[in-house]
Amino acid sequence: MSGPAACPEIKQAEQVVDQTARQLLRGEANLSTWYRVLRQYEHTWMLELESARGRQAERCAA
């Protein structure tokens, strides 16, 4: 896989989401933790997409 999804930060954020989902199902995490993790995951994706768009714009301008 290439592109933003292959980014180590994205993979790490996905692992945290998976782990927190399991904890939530077992009653070891609460909804506020779940929402916080989802916001962090979304933020990580947005940063990586912004970075990828910047790199693409630089290539197009060259």
C-alpha atoms as a PDB file:
ATOM      1  CA  MET A   1       0.000   0.000   0.000  1.00  0.00           C
ATOM      2  CA  SER A   2       1.266   3.461  -0.790  1.00  0.00           C
ATOM      3  CA  GLY A   3       0.122   6.972  -0.098  1.00  0.00           C
ATOM      4  CA  PRO A   4      -1.097   8.349   3.208  1.00  0.00           C
ATOM      5  CA  ALA A   5      -2.451   5.005   4.464  1.00  0.00           C
ATOM      6  CA  ALA A   6       1.089   3.590   4.444  1.00  0.00           C
ATOM      7  CA  CYS A   7       2.335   6.379   6.717  1.00  0.00           C
ATOM      8  CA  PRO A   8       3.626   5.111  10.102  1.00  0.00           C
ATOM      9  CA  GLU A   9       1.610   7.759  11.949  1.00  0.00           C
ATOM     10  CA  ILE A  10      -1.605   6.554  10.283  1.00  0.00           C
ATOM     11  CA  LYS A  11      -0.822   2.925  11.067  1.00  0.00           C
ATOM     12  CA  GLN A  12      -0.133   3.810  14.706  1.00  0.00           C
ATOM     13  CA  ALA A  13      -3.373   5.789  14.959  1.00  0.00           C
ATOM     14  CA  GLU A  14      -5.299   2.838  13.487  1.00  0.00           C
ATOM     15  CA  GLN A  15      -3.773   0.513  16.061  1.00  0.00           C
ATOM     16  CA  VAL A  16      -4.849   2.856  18.858  1.00  0.00           C
ATOM     17  CA  VAL A  17      -8.398   2.960  17.450  1.00  0.00           C
ATOM     18  CA  ASP A  18      -8.505  -0.852  17.272  1.00  0.00           C
ATOM     19  CA  GLN A  19      -7.151  -1.228  20.789  1.00  0.00           C
ATOM     20  CA  THR A  20      -9.558   1.335  22.222  1.00  0.00           C
ATOM     21  CA  ALA A  21     -12.508  -0.292  20.435  1.00  0.00           C
ATOM     22  CA  ARG A  22     -11.655  -3.612  22.087  1.00  0.00           C
ATOM     23  CA  GLN A  23     -11.329  -1.887  25.461  1.00  0.00           C
ATOM     24  CA  LEU A  24     -14.668  -0.153  24.973  1.00  0.00           C
ATOM     25  CA  LEU A  25     -16.378  -3.452  24.159  1.00  0.00           C
ATOM     26  CA  ARG A  26     -14.899  -5.033  27.298  1.00  0.00           C
ATOM     27  CA  GLY A  27     -15.983  -2.077  29.424  1.00  0.00           C
ATOM     28  CA  GLU A  28     -12.376  -0.988  30.047  1.00  0.00           C
ATOM     29  CA  ALA A  29     -12.738   2.371  28.257  1.00  0.00           C
ATOM     30  CA  ASN A  30     -15.490   4.964  28.257  1.00  0.00           C
ATOM     31  CA  LEU A  31     -17.107   6.928  25.452  1.00  0.00           C
ATOM     32  CA  SER A  32     -15.083  10.073  26.081  1.00  0.00           C
ATOM     33  CA  THR A  33     -11.889   8.062  25.554  1.00  0.00           C
ATOM     34  CA  TRP A  34     -13.338   6.549  22.379  1.00  0.00           C
ATOM     35  CA  TYR A  35     -14.272   9.961  20.982  1.00  0.00           C
ATOM     36  CA  ARG A  36     -10.868  11.403  21.894  1.00  0.00           C
ATOM     37  CA  VAL A  37      -9.113   8.561  20.057  1.00  0.00           C
ATOM     38  CA  LEU A  38     -11.334   9.017  17.006  1.00  0.00           C
ATOM     39  CA  ARG A  39     -10.596  12.763  16.939  1.00  0.00           C
ATOM     40  CA  GLN A  40      -6.866  12.045  17.146  1.00  0.00           C
ATOM     41  CA  TYR A  41      -7.175   9.518  14.320  1.00  0.00           C
ATOM     42  CA  GLU A  42      -9.059  12.017  12.157  1.00  0.00           C
ATOM     43  CA  HIS A  43      -6.518  14.741  12.957  1.00  0.00           C
ATOM     44  CA  THR A  44      -3.646  12.428  11.986  1.00  0.00           C
ATOM     45  CA  TRP A  45      -5.331  11.675   8.651  1.00  0.00           C
ATOM     46  CA  MET A  46      -6.023  15.344   7.952  1.00  0.00           C
ATOM     47  CA  LEU A  47      -2.392  16.281   8.602  1.00  0.00           C
ATOM     48  CA  GLU A  48      -1.131  13.527   6.311  1.00  0.00           C
ATOM     49  CA  LEU A  49      -3.587  14.417   3.548  1.00  0.00           C
ATOM     50  CA  GLU A  50      -2.605  18.076   3.791  1.00  0.00           C
ATOM     51  CA  SER A  51       1.040  17.075   3.520  1.00  0.00           C
ATOM     52  CA  ALA A  52       0.346  14.836   0.515  1.00  0.00           C
ATOM     53  CA  ARG A  53      -1.580  17.600  -1.226  1.00  0.00           C
ATOM     54  CA  GLY A  54       1.317  19.976  -0.644  1.00  0.00           C
ATOM     55  CA  ARG A  55       3.770  17.525  -2.181  1.00  0.00           C
ATOM     56  CA  GLN A  56       1.462  17.027  -5.165  1.00  0.00           C
ATOM     57  CA  ALA A  57       1.092  20.787  -5.666  1.00  0.00           C
ATOM     58  CA  GLU A  58       4.881  21.185  -5.605  1.00  0.00           C
ATOM     59  CA  ARG A  59       5.261  18.535  -8.316  1.00  0.00           C
ATOM     60  CA  CYS A  60       2.576  20.175 -10.465  1.00  0.00           C
ATOM     61  CA  ALA A  61       4.205  23.589 -10.113  1.00  0.00           C
ATOM     62  CA  ALA A  62       7.612  22.276 -11.174  1.00  0.00           C
END
